[in-house]
Amino acid sequence: MKKAFSYRFYPTFQQELLLRRTLGCVRLVYNRALAVRTEGWYQRQERIGYAQTNSLLTGWKRQEEFQFLNEVSCVPLQQSLRHLQTAFTHFFAKRAKYPNFKKKRNGGSAEFTRSAFKWKESQVFLAKCDEPLKIRWSRQLPSGAEPSTVTVRLNRAGQWYISIRFDEPRNLKLEPVAQSVGLDVGISSLVTLSTGEKIANPKHFNRHYKRLRRAQKALSRKQKGSRNREKARLKVARIHQQITNSRKDHLHKLTTRLIRENQTIAVESLAVKNMVKNPKLAQSISDAGWGEMVRQLEYKCQWYGRTLVKIDQWFPSSKRCGNCGHIVERLPLNVREWDCPVCGIDHDRDVNAAKNIIAVGHTVKVCGATVRPEESKSRKAGAMKQKPKS
């Protein structure tokens, strides 16, 4: 099992100069190779692969104007060409858009394979660096783990991070438990469990909105190209980074708790990219981080021996009565409670949806097929009694 731990580190002045030079060279090689491949296809209908771009890199190093490429390790430059090849592979497989050019203001990253760094006494020595990196070890690597690749990253806030990838030597499988849970995601409540528990949405963006607004207004008043504008830009970037970190921290704690307590977890396979096209809900949906939560559940279930079931996004979990199976015709978002017109049971919208999700999740797990509703419209059984949100 491949795992990667990310740490923040604080380079010395000389190390930062070398790393920034390396990131600049990586960006240059990536952008020039992308331009060559794009030009080759649109002008000569020629497909240029990794082997050709690697030969071009050798020629660029021999040119006088690109002699600075020899001052950094060659491994990150070659890895950038491999990443470009991977980006084109995903594009041709229709899994991603056409690759974009890298921009300096986005920071950047450089990947070092085993031949370009040294792991000695739990310290990382990068190529062309005499001193080890000063890493803040928030958690130690497992005993016996040997790093295979190291990725250095500079974010837009000017903070340095290192990602250490290794083969997990431990068996992380948890003891089986009998409990299962269904999850219904939302905005007012981040997650509603089929047990009836509702986990509040921290709304990290709203918590920092006033600070962010002031910082962005100060940035807009600065003259472009000035040092004061760069300082203001870093202040805005740090606030955004703080929002991102707090959101990920909350989601990691939530998903880890769900994994430990439940053997089977059922969720809806929501099309978040389509949902954020709604201008009224886009900001709230993006701040909730539904996609990130499901992503964490996926790989943590693989690590710890749990089962994650994704039900069809068109399954009417909110509109279906969990008692008799009746499907109501309309259920606006402002209706948080409703009475079934057939059996008369009062439903909490989110709790009922979570219970339906876990029920269908068990069916999907046993049958091995996607469950879709037999009918999408309500039966003519009378009008639904709705209780709008007060």
Protein backbone atom coordinates (compact mmCIF):
# COMPACT_ATOMS: atom_id res chain seq x y z
CA MET A 1 0.00 0.00 0.00
CA LYS A 2 1.36 3.41 -1.03
CA LYS A 3 0.93 6.26 1.44
CA ALA A 4 2.21 9.82 1.65
CA PHE A 5 2.60 12.06 4.68
CA SER A 6 2.74 15.82 4.22
CA TYR A 7 4.79 18.07 6.51
CA ARG A 8 5.62 21.71 6.63
CA PHE A 9 9.32 22.59 6.55
CA TYR A 10 11.37 25.74 6.93
CA PRO A 11 14.31 25.95 4.49
CA THR A 12 17.43 27.98 5.13
CA PHE A 13 18.20 30.97 2.95
CA GLN A 14 20.49 28.94 0.65
CA GLN A 15 18.03 26.05 0.47
CA GLU A 16 15.18 28.39 -0.44
CA LEU A 17 17.25 29.96 -3.22
CA LEU A 18 17.98 26.52 -4.66
CA LEU A 19 14.38 25.33 -4.30
CA ARG A 20 12.92 28.43 -5.90
CA ARG A 21 15.40 28.05 -8.77
CA THR A 22 14.36 24.40 -9.11
CA LEU A 23 10.66 25.29 -9.20
CA GLY A 24 11.35 27.90 -11.86
CA CYS A 25 13.26 25.41 -14.01
CA VAL A 26 10.52 22.79 -13.58
CA ARG A 27 7.91 25.34 -14.65
CA LEU A 28 9.98 26.39 -17.66
CA VAL A 29 10.56 22.81 -18.87
CA TYR A 30 6.90 21.89 -18.41
CA ASN A 31 5.62 24.96 -20.27
CA ARG A 32 8.11 24.63 -23.15
CA ALA A 33 7.31 20.94 -23.57
CA LEU A 34 3.57 21.70 -23.52
CA ALA A 35 4.05 24.40 -26.15
CA VAL A 36 6.08 22.04 -28.36
CA ARG A 37 3.49 19.27 -28.11
CA THR A 38 0.63 21.66 -28.80
CA GLU A 39 2.40 23.23 -31.79
CA GLY A 40 3.36 19.83 -33.18
CA TRP A 41 -0.24 18.65 -33.16
CA TYR A 42 -1.98 21.75 -34.49
CA GLN A 43 0.58 22.57 -37.20
CA ARG A 44 1.86 19.14 -38.32
CA GLN A 45 -0.69 16.70 -36.82
CA GLU A 46 2.25 15.09 -34.99
CA ARG A 47 1.92 13.43 -31.61
CA ILE A 48 4.97 14.12 -29.47
CA GLY A 49 5.46 11.85 -26.47
CA TYR A 50 7.66 11.71 -23.38
CA ALA A 51 10.67 10.26 -25.21
CA GLN A 52 10.80 13.15 -27.71
CA THR A 53 10.40 15.82 -25.00
CA ASN A 54 13.13 14.17 -22.95
CA SER A 55 15.47 14.45 -25.94
CA LEU A 56 14.46 18.10 -26.32
CA LEU A 57 15.37 18.67 -22.67
CA THR A 58 18.89 17.40 -23.35
CA GLY A 59 19.19 19.85 -26.24
CA TRP A 60 17.89 22.76 -24.16
CA LYS A 61 20.57 22.13 -21.53
CA ARG A 62 23.25 22.52 -24.17
CA GLN A 63 21.97 25.89 -25.33
CA GLU A 64 23.71 28.92 -23.89
CA GLU A 65 20.50 30.70 -22.91
CA PHE A 66 19.37 27.70 -20.83
CA GLN A 67 22.62 26.91 -19.05
CA PHE A 68 20.88 27.56 -15.71
CA LEU A 69 19.00 24.27 -16.14
CA ASN A 70 22.26 22.49 -15.27
CA GLU A 71 22.43 24.24 -11.89
CA VAL A 72 19.56 22.20 -10.45
CA SER A 73 18.93 18.47 -10.17
CA CYS A 74 17.88 16.85 -13.46
CA VAL A 75 15.39 14.50 -11.75
CA PRO A 76 12.62 17.10 -11.08
CA LEU A 77 12.92 18.27 -14.70
CA GLN A 78 12.41 14.77 -16.05
CA GLN A 79 9.58 14.16 -13.59
CA SER A 80 7.79 17.28 -14.88
CA LEU A 81 7.86 15.75 -18.37
CA ARG A 82 6.37 12.53 -16.97
CA HIS A 83 3.64 14.55 -15.27
CA LEU A 84 2.90 16.26 -18.59
CA GLN A 85 2.63 12.86 -20.26
CA THR A 86 0.20 11.76 -17.54
CA ALA A 87 -1.86 14.91 -18.07
CA PHE A 88 -2.14 14.16 -21.79
CA THR A 89 -3.05 10.55 -21.05
CA HIS A 90 -5.94 11.71 -18.87
CA PHE A 91 -6.97 14.22 -21.54
CA PHE A 92 -7.10 11.63 -24.34
CA ALA A 93 -9.03 9.28 -22.03
CA LYS A 94 -11.54 12.14 -21.46
CA ARG A 95 -10.87 12.17 -17.72
CA ALA A 96 -9.52 15.73 -17.66
CA LYS A 97 -9.28 18.92 -19.67
CA TYR A 98 -6.39 19.95 -21.89
CA PRO A 99 -3.23 20.66 -19.83
CA ASN A 100 -2.66 24.30 -18.84
CA PHE A 101 0.55 26.26 -18.58
CA LYS A 102 1.99 26.60 -15.08
CA LYS A 103 2.01 30.07 -13.51
CA LYS A 104 4.58 31.47 -11.13
CA ARG A 105 2.02 33.00 -8.76
CA ASN A 106 0.58 29.54 -8.02
CA GLY A 107 3.81 28.46 -6.34
CA GLY A 108 4.74 25.11 -7.81
CA SER A 109 6.12 21.71 -6.93
CA ALA A 110 9.12 19.51 -7.72
CA GLU A 111 9.29 15.74 -7.36
CA PHE A 112 12.52 14.00 -6.34
CA THR A 113 12.87 10.25 -6.86
CA ARG A 114 15.13 7.99 -4.79
CA SER A 115 18.23 8.94 -6.78
CA ALA A 116 17.79 12.66 -6.05
CA PHE A 117 17.48 12.64 -2.27
CA LYS A 118 19.02 10.85 0.69
CA TRP A 119 17.14 9.50 3.71
CA LYS A 120 19.55 9.29 6.62
CA GLU A 121 18.68 9.05 10.32
CA SER A 122 15.12 10.27 9.69
CA GLN A 123 16.36 13.34 7.84
CA VAL A 124 15.89 14.34 4.21
CA PHE A 125 18.85 15.58 2.17
CA LEU A 126 17.83 16.85 -1.29
CA ALA A 127 20.17 16.81 -4.26
CA LYS A 128 22.73 19.66 -4.27
CA CYS A 129 21.88 20.44 -0.60
CA ASP A 130 24.49 19.83 2.08
CA GLU A 131 22.13 20.39 5.03
CA PRO A 132 18.97 18.41 5.85
CA LEU A 133 15.59 20.06 5.57
CA LYS A 134 14.18 21.46 8.80
CA ILE A 135 10.90 19.54 8.84
CA ARG A 136 8.20 19.98 11.44
CA TRP A 137 7.44 16.33 12.18
CA SER A 138 3.78 16.49 13.14
CA ARG A 139 3.81 12.67 13.03
CA GLN A 140 6.61 10.19 12.58
CA LEU A 141 6.89 7.81 9.67
CA PRO A 142 6.07 4.17 10.52
CA SER A 143 8.98 2.11 11.74
CA GLY A 144 10.74 0.48 8.80
CA ALA A 145 9.24 2.80 6.17
CA GLU A 146 11.63 3.83 3.40
CA PRO A 147 10.61 6.88 1.32
CA SER A 148 10.42 6.25 -2.42
CA THR A 149 9.68 9.79 -3.64
CA VAL A 150 9.75 13.25 -2.09
CA THR A 151 7.71 16.17 -3.42
CA VAL A 152 8.49 19.73 -2.41
CA ARG A 153 5.68 22.24 -2.79
CA LEU A 154 5.39 26.02 -2.40
CA ASN A 155 1.83 27.29 -1.98
CA ARG A 156 0.51 30.73 -2.86
CA ALA A 157 0.93 31.88 0.74
CA GLY A 158 4.70 31.36 0.54
CA GLN A 159 4.67 28.27 2.78
CA TRP A 160 6.84 25.24 2.05
CA TYR A 161 5.51 21.68 2.33
CA ILE A 162 7.10 18.31 1.69
CA SER A 163 5.21 15.13 0.83
CA ILE A 164 7.04 11.89 1.63
CA ARG A 165 5.74 8.79 -0.15
CA PHE A 166 6.48 5.30 1.15
CA ASP A 167 5.23 1.71 1.23
CA GLU A 168 3.09 1.16 4.31
CA PRO A 169 4.70 -1.71 6.30
CA ARG A 170 1.84 -2.03 8.80
CA ASN A 171 -1.47 -3.84 8.58
CA LEU A 172 -4.09 -1.15 9.20
CA LYS A 173 -7.17 -3.39 9.00
CA LEU A 174 -9.59 -2.68 11.86
CA GLU A 175 -11.65 -5.27 13.69
CA PRO A 176 -15.06 -5.74 12.01
CA VAL A 177 -18.04 -4.06 13.66
CA ALA A 178 -21.75 -4.67 13.20
CA GLN A 179 -22.83 -1.05 12.79
CA SER A 180 -23.59 0.59 9.43
CA VAL A 181 -24.55 4.15 8.64
CA GLY A 182 -26.02 6.19 5.81
CA LEU A 183 -24.91 9.76 5.17
CA ASP A 184 -27.02 12.59 3.79
CA VAL A 185 -24.96 15.70 3.14
CA GLY A 186 -26.37 19.19 3.44
CA ILE A 187 -25.60 22.83 4.07
CA SER A 188 -27.28 23.70 7.38
CA SER A 189 -26.15 20.32 8.72
CA LEU A 190 -22.97 19.13 7.07
CA VAL A 191 -23.90 15.46 7.52
CA THR A 192 -27.04 13.77 8.79
CA LEU A 193 -26.58 10.18 9.92
CA SER A 194 -29.17 7.44 9.59
CA THR A 195 -29.03 7.16 13.39
CA GLY A 196 -30.68 10.59 13.60
CA GLU A 197 -27.53 12.48 14.58
CA LYS A 198 -26.89 15.76 12.79
CA ILE A 199 -23.36 17.16 12.51
CA ALA A 200 -23.34 20.94 12.20
CA ASN A 201 -21.64 22.70 9.32
CA PRO A 202 -18.72 24.80 10.69
CA LYS A 203 -18.93 27.18 7.68
CA HIS A 204 -15.22 27.97 7.69
CA PHE A 205 -15.49 30.58 4.94
CA ASN A 206 -18.06 32.65 6.84
CA ARG A 207 -15.87 32.58 9.94
CA HIS A 208 -13.04 34.36 8.09
CA TYR A 209 -15.15 36.35 5.63
CA LYS A 210 -14.70 39.79 7.27
CA ARG A 211 -10.92 39.43 7.49
CA LEU A 212 -10.75 38.18 3.93
CA ARG A 213 -12.91 41.03 2.66
CA ARG A 214 -10.74 43.66 4.31
CA ALA A 215 -7.57 42.04 2.99
CA GLN A 216 -8.95 41.84 -0.55
CA LYS A 217 -10.04 45.48 -0.48
CA ALA A 218 -6.56 46.48 0.69
CA LEU A 219 -5.05 44.41 -2.13
CA SER A 220 -7.21 46.12 -4.76
CA ARG A 221 -5.86 49.54 -3.71
CA LYS A 222 -2.20 48.59 -4.13
CA GLN A 223 -0.31 49.53 -7.27
CA LYS A 224 0.34 46.59 -9.56
CA GLY A 225 3.94 45.44 -9.54
CA SER A 226 4.77 47.09 -6.22
CA ARG A 227 6.20 45.33 -3.17
CA ASN A 228 3.24 46.47 -1.08
CA ARG A 229 0.91 44.69 -3.48
CA GLU A 230 2.92 41.48 -3.10
CA LYS A 231 2.67 41.79 0.70
CA ALA A 232 -1.08 42.31 0.45
CA ARG A 233 -1.40 39.33 -1.92
CA LEU A 234 0.41 37.10 0.57
CA LYS A 235 -1.95 38.23 3.32
CA VAL A 236 -4.98 37.24 1.23
CA ALA A 237 -3.36 33.92 0.34
CA ARG A 238 -2.64 33.13 3.99
CA ILE A 239 -6.30 33.66 4.91
CA HIS A 240 -7.38 31.36 2.09
CA GLN A 241 -4.84 28.78 3.25
CA GLN A 242 -6.16 29.02 6.81
CA ILE A 243 -9.70 28.37 5.56
CA THR A 244 -8.50 25.36 3.55
CA ASN A 245 -6.55 23.90 6.47
CA SER A 246 -9.42 24.24 8.94
CA ARG A 247 -11.85 22.65 6.47
CA LYS A 248 -9.57 19.67 5.80
CA ASP A 249 -8.85 19.21 9.51
CA HIS A 250 -12.56 19.04 10.32
CA LEU A 251 -13.27 16.61 7.48
CA HIS A 252 -10.37 14.34 8.46
CA LYS A 253 -11.61 14.10 12.05
CA LEU A 254 -15.18 13.43 10.87
CA THR A 255 -14.28 10.76 8.32
CA THR A 256 -11.90 9.00 10.72
CA ARG A 257 -14.65 8.82 13.33
CA LEU A 258 -17.12 7.39 10.80
CA ILE A 259 -14.60 4.78 9.65
CA ARG A 260 -13.85 3.62 13.20
CA GLU A 261 -17.49 3.31 14.24
CA ASN A 262 -19.03 1.70 11.14
CA GLN A 263 -18.33 -1.29 8.94
CA THR A 264 -20.41 -0.10 5.98
CA ILE A 265 -20.91 3.53 4.97
CA ALA A 266 -23.44 4.48 2.29
CA VAL A 267 -23.35 7.85 0.52
CA GLU A 268 -24.90 9.43 -2.54
CA SER A 269 -22.71 9.85 -5.62
CA LEU A 270 -23.44 13.56 -6.03
CA ALA A 271 -22.39 15.53 -9.13
CA VAL A 272 -20.84 18.41 -7.19
CA LYS A 273 -19.46 20.06 -10.33
CA ASN A 274 -22.98 20.43 -11.67
CA MET A 275 -24.43 21.54 -8.33
CA VAL A 276 -22.02 24.46 -7.94
CA LYS A 277 -23.41 25.94 -11.15
CA ASN A 278 -26.28 27.22 -9.01
CA PRO A 279 -25.14 30.79 -8.19
CA LYS A 280 -27.19 30.93 -4.99
CA LEU A 281 -25.70 27.76 -3.47
CA ALA A 282 -22.27 27.56 -5.11
CA GLN A 283 -20.36 29.22 -2.29
CA SER A 284 -22.06 27.17 0.45
CA ILE A 285 -21.60 23.88 -1.42
CA SER A 286 -17.93 24.60 -2.10
CA ASP A 287 -17.32 25.54 1.53
CA ALA A 288 -18.95 22.31 2.77
CA GLY A 289 -16.41 20.15 0.91
CA TRP A 290 -18.69 17.23 0.04
CA GLY A 291 -16.37 15.92 -2.66
CA GLU A 292 -13.34 16.00 -0.36
CA MET A 293 -15.27 14.14 2.33
CA VAL A 294 -16.23 11.32 -0.05
CA ARG A 295 -12.65 11.17 -1.35
CA GLN A 296 -11.31 10.73 2.17
CA LEU A 297 -13.89 8.04 2.92
CA GLU A 298 -12.84 6.14 -0.21
CA TYR A 299 -9.16 5.76 0.58
CA LYS A 300 -9.67 5.36 4.33
CA CYS A 301 -12.08 2.48 3.70
CA GLN A 302 -9.35 0.79 1.66
CA TRP A 303 -6.80 1.36 4.41
CA TYR A 304 -8.89 0.13 7.32
CA GLY A 305 -10.94 -2.65 5.71
CA ARG A 306 -14.29 -0.89 5.63
CA THR A 307 -16.90 -0.80 2.85
CA LEU A 308 -18.06 2.36 1.11
CA VAL A 309 -21.22 2.10 -0.99
CA LYS A 310 -22.20 4.82 -3.45
CA ILE A 311 -25.83 4.82 -4.49
CA ASP A 312 -27.18 6.34 -7.69
CA GLN A 313 -27.43 10.12 -7.63
CA TRP A 314 -30.95 9.96 -9.10
CA PHE A 315 -32.32 7.83 -6.29
CA PRO A 316 -35.06 9.95 -4.59
CA SER A 317 -33.76 9.55 -1.05
CA SER A 318 -35.48 12.69 0.26
CA LYS A 319 -38.80 12.22 -1.54
CA ARG A 320 -39.27 8.53 -0.72
CA CYS A 321 -41.11 7.57 2.46
CA GLY A 322 -38.86 5.33 4.52
CA ASN A 323 -41.89 3.49 5.96
CA CYS A 324 -44.11 2.65 2.98
CA GLY A 325 -41.95 3.58 -0.03
CA HIS A 326 -44.26 6.25 -1.40
CA ILE A 327 -42.52 8.88 -3.56
CA VAL A 328 -43.90 12.40 -3.41
CA GLU A 329 -43.97 14.45 -6.57
CA ARG A 330 -42.31 17.65 -5.31
CA LEU A 331 -40.24 18.47 -2.24
CA PRO A 332 -38.74 21.99 -2.34
CA LEU A 333 -35.59 22.72 -0.37
CA ASN A 334 -37.43 24.95 2.10
CA VAL A 335 -39.54 21.96 3.24
CA ARG A 336 -37.55 20.36 6.07
CA GLU A 337 -40.39 18.19 7.47
CA TRP A 338 -43.25 16.46 5.67
CA ASP A 339 -46.05 13.99 6.33
CA CYS A 340 -46.46 10.95 4.08
CA PRO A 341 -49.90 11.14 2.37
CA VAL A 342 -50.17 7.32 2.39
CA CYS A 343 -49.10 6.15 5.86
CA GLY A 344 -49.21 9.53 7.61
CA ILE A 345 -45.79 9.28 9.25
CA ASP A 346 -44.01 12.56 9.97
CA HIS A 347 -40.54 12.73 8.42
CA ASP A 348 -37.52 14.88 9.04
CA ARG A 349 -36.25 15.45 5.50
CA ASP A 350 -32.55 14.77 6.20
CA VAL A 351 -33.00 11.87 8.62
CA ASN A 352 -35.45 10.16 6.25
CA ALA A 353 -32.98 10.57 3.38
CA ALA A 354 -30.14 9.10 5.43
CA LYS A 355 -32.25 6.08 6.39
CA ASN A 356 -33.21 5.50 2.76
CA ILE A 357 -29.55 5.77 1.74
CA ILE A 358 -28.39 3.09 4.18
CA ALA A 359 -31.31 0.82 3.20
CA VAL A 360 -30.45 1.12 -0.49
CA GLY A 361 -26.75 0.84 0.36
CA HIS A 362 -27.30 -2.60 1.87
CA THR A 363 -29.21 -3.61 -1.27
CA VAL A 364 -26.42 -2.40 -3.53
CA LYS A 365 -23.82 -4.20 -1.41
CA VAL A 366 -25.71 -7.51 -1.55
CA CYS A 367 -26.91 -7.35 -5.16
CA GLY A 368 -23.80 -5.73 -6.58
CA ALA A 369 -25.83 -3.43 -8.82
CA THR A 370 -26.92 0.18 -8.87
CA VAL A 371 -30.43 0.63 -7.51
CA ARG A 372 -32.62 3.08 -9.37
CA PRO A 373 -36.24 3.90 -8.56
CA GLU A 374 -38.90 1.98 -10.45
CA GLU A 375 -40.93 5.13 -10.83
CA SER A 376 -39.84 8.74 -10.60
CA LYS A 377 -43.29 10.28 -10.18
CA SER A 378 -45.58 10.00 -7.19
CA ARG A 379 -48.55 7.75 -7.13
CA LYS A 380 -51.90 9.54 -7.21
CA ALA A 381 -52.51 9.02 -3.53
CA GLY A 382 -53.45 12.50 -2.44
CA ALA A 383 -51.68 15.75 -1.78
CA MET A 384 -48.64 15.85 0.49
CA LYS A 385 -48.82 17.79 3.71
CA GLN A 386 -45.74 19.99 3.80
CA LYS A 387 -44.29 21.82 6.75
CA PRO A 388 -42.21 24.73 5.45
CA LYS A 389 -39.15 25.73 7.42
CA SER A 390 -40.07 28.38 9.94
